[in-house]
Amino acid sequence: MIKVKNGIFKYKTLKIKISDQDSGIYSYEAFIDGNWMALSFNPKTNLITYDLKDIPLEGSEHTLEIFITDLVGNQSNIKAILYKK
């Protein structure tokens, strides 16, 4: 399950909760404005995090895409629009 709400962000770290009730997470990757993001995953909290300082974000509107695969090969993805304050 991926939960991301379109919205305004003003923080330096992006935190996204991901989970799979049945088999568990096998792989994940994300892109912001088409740029690959080097994510960190904490399996205890099911949070992937990213330091937004790693990619310079010009302007206020940004597209976030997340791709996740579980241990049996099911894939899930989401696309969200984020606004930088």
C-alpha atoms as a PDB file:
ATOM      1  CA  MET A   1       0.000   0.000   0.000  1.00  0.00           C
ATOM      2  CA  ILE A   2       1.284   3.444  -0.874  1.00  0.00           C
ATOM      3  CA  LYS A   3      -0.216   6.567   0.641  1.00  0.00           C
ATOM      4  CA  VAL A   4       0.793   9.934  -0.757  1.00  0.00           C
ATOM      5  CA  LYS A   5      -1.449  12.958  -0.728  1.00  0.00           C
ATOM      6  CA  ASN A   6      -0.977  15.772  -3.176  1.00  0.00           C
ATOM      7  CA  GLY A   7      -0.069  18.774  -1.141  1.00  0.00           C
ATOM      8  CA  ILE A   8       2.315  21.467  -0.077  1.00  0.00           C
ATOM      9  CA  PHE A   9       5.643  20.557   1.465  1.00  0.00           C
ATOM     10  CA  LYS A  10       7.980  22.862   3.307  1.00  0.00           C
ATOM     11  CA  TYR A  11      10.278  20.366   4.985  1.00  0.00           C
ATOM     12  CA  LYS A  12      13.783  19.286   4.003  1.00  0.00           C
ATOM     13  CA  THR A  13      13.019  15.563   4.310  1.00  0.00           C
ATOM     14  CA  LEU A  14      10.326  13.718   2.408  1.00  0.00           C
ATOM     15  CA  LYS A  15       8.817  10.787   4.367  1.00  0.00           C
ATOM     16  CA  ILE A  16       6.472   8.287   2.733  1.00  0.00           C
ATOM     17  CA  LYS A  17       4.888   5.259   4.387  1.00  0.00           C
ATOM     18  CA  ILE A  18       4.823   2.078   2.295  1.00  0.00           C
ATOM     19  CA  SER A  19       3.725  -1.424   3.271  1.00  0.00           C
ATOM     20  CA  ASP A  20       2.643  -4.817   2.012  1.00  0.00           C
ATOM     21  CA  GLN A  21       0.357  -6.835   4.278  1.00  0.00           C
ATOM     22  CA  ASP A  22       1.096 -10.243   2.779  1.00  0.00           C
ATOM     23  CA  SER A  23       4.602 -10.879   1.489  1.00  0.00           C
ATOM     24  CA  GLY A  24       6.594  -7.735   2.285  1.00  0.00           C
ATOM     25  CA  ILE A  25       8.443  -5.138   0.220  1.00  0.00           C
ATOM     26  CA  TYR A  26      10.997  -6.430  -2.310  1.00  0.00           C
ATOM     27  CA  SER A  27      12.040  -3.221  -4.062  1.00  0.00           C
ATOM     28  CA  TYR A  28      11.164   0.447  -4.291  1.00  0.00           C
ATOM     29  CA  GLU A  29      12.314   3.438  -6.267  1.00  0.00           C
ATOM     30  CA  ALA A  30      11.127   6.982  -6.681  1.00  0.00           C
ATOM     31  CA  PHE A  31      11.612   9.916  -8.986  1.00  0.00           C
ATOM     32  CA  ILE A  32      10.941  13.607  -8.512  1.00  0.00           C
ATOM     33  CA  ASP A  33      10.582  15.560 -11.747  1.00  0.00           C
ATOM     34  CA  GLY A  34      12.124  12.545 -13.526  1.00  0.00           C
ATOM     35  CA  ASN A  35      15.233  12.518 -11.306  1.00  0.00           C
ATOM     36  CA  TRP A  36      16.024   9.282  -9.456  1.00  0.00           C
ATOM     37  CA  MET A  37      15.921   9.598  -5.664  1.00  0.00           C
ATOM     38  CA  ALA A  38      18.337   7.701  -3.382  1.00  0.00           C
ATOM     39  CA  LEU A  39      15.850   6.589  -0.737  1.00  0.00           C
ATOM     40  CA  SER A  40      16.358   5.090   2.704  1.00  0.00           C
ATOM     41  CA  PHE A  41      13.871   2.483   3.994  1.00  0.00           C
ATOM     42  CA  ASN A  42      13.174   1.709   7.647  1.00  0.00           C
ATOM     43  CA  PRO A  43      11.333  -1.655   7.799  1.00  0.00           C
ATOM     44  CA  LYS A  44      10.279  -1.106  11.421  1.00  0.00           C
ATOM     45  CA  THR A  45       8.320   2.058  10.594  1.00  0.00           C
ATOM     46  CA  ASN A  46       7.656   1.254   6.891  1.00  0.00           C
ATOM     47  CA  LEU A  47       8.959   4.719   6.007  1.00  0.00           C
ATOM     48  CA  ILE A  48      11.045   5.630   3.000  1.00  0.00           C
ATOM     49  CA  THR A  49      12.823   8.925   3.449  1.00  0.00           C
ATOM     50  CA  TYR A  50      14.667  11.298   1.179  1.00  0.00           C
ATOM     51  CA  ASP A  51      16.711  14.418   1.885  1.00  0.00           C
ATOM     52  CA  LEU A  52      15.273  17.029  -0.497  1.00  0.00           C
ATOM     53  CA  LYS A  53      18.586  18.921  -0.499  1.00  0.00           C
ATOM     54  CA  ASP A  54      20.002  16.163  -2.751  1.00  0.00           C
ATOM     55  CA  ILE A  55      18.056  17.403  -5.802  1.00  0.00           C
ATOM     56  CA  PRO A  56      17.751  21.128  -6.475  1.00  0.00           C
ATOM     57  CA  LEU A  57      14.051  21.836  -6.944  1.00  0.00           C
ATOM     58  CA  GLU A  58      13.384  24.831  -9.168  1.00  0.00           C
ATOM     59  CA  GLY A  59       9.929  26.351  -9.112  1.00  0.00           C
ATOM     60  CA  SER A  60       7.050  25.337  -6.895  1.00  0.00           C
ATOM     61  CA  GLU A  61       5.282  22.388  -8.636  1.00  0.00           C
ATOM     62  CA  HIS A  62       6.955  18.958  -8.668  1.00  0.00           C
ATOM     63  CA  THR A  63       5.929  15.472  -9.793  1.00  0.00           C
ATOM     64  CA  LEU A  64       6.670  12.547  -7.481  1.00  0.00           C
ATOM     65  CA  GLU A  65       6.517   8.988  -8.857  1.00  0.00           C
ATOM     66  CA  ILE A  66       6.986   5.897  -6.663  1.00  0.00           C
ATOM     67  CA  PHE A  67       7.310   2.296  -7.873  1.00  0.00           C
ATOM     68  CA  ILE A  68       7.120  -0.613  -5.412  1.00  0.00           C
ATOM     69  CA  THR A  69       7.338  -4.384  -5.929  1.00  0.00           C
ATOM     70  CA  ASP A  70       6.432  -6.939  -3.266  1.00  0.00           C
ATOM     71  CA  LEU A  71       8.133 -10.295  -2.652  1.00  0.00           C
ATOM     72  CA  VAL A  72       5.782 -12.178  -5.014  1.00  0.00           C
ATOM     73  CA  GLY A  73       6.224  -9.706  -7.882  1.00  0.00           C
ATOM     74  CA  ASN A  74       3.091  -7.565  -7.547  1.00  0.00           C
ATOM     75  CA  GLN A  75       3.807  -3.994  -8.548  1.00  0.00           C
ATOM     76  CA  SER A  76       2.243  -0.773  -7.383  1.00  0.00           C
ATOM     77  CA  ASN A  77       2.935   2.800  -8.376  1.00  0.00           C
ATOM     78  CA  ILE A  78       1.662   6.250  -7.651  1.00  0.00           C
ATOM     79  CA  LYS A  79       2.104   9.671  -9.136  1.00  0.00           C
ATOM     80  CA  ALA A  80       1.503  12.791  -7.051  1.00  0.00           C
ATOM     81  CA  ILE A  81       1.921  16.508  -7.536  1.00  0.00           C
ATOM     82  CA  LEU A  82       3.739  18.274  -4.712  1.00  0.00           C
ATOM     83  CA  TYR A  83       4.027  22.011  -4.215  1.00  0.00           C
ATOM     84  CA  LYS A  84       7.127  23.505  -2.622  1.00  0.00           C
ATOM     85  CA  LYS A  85       6.412  26.399  -0.317  1.00  0.00           C
END
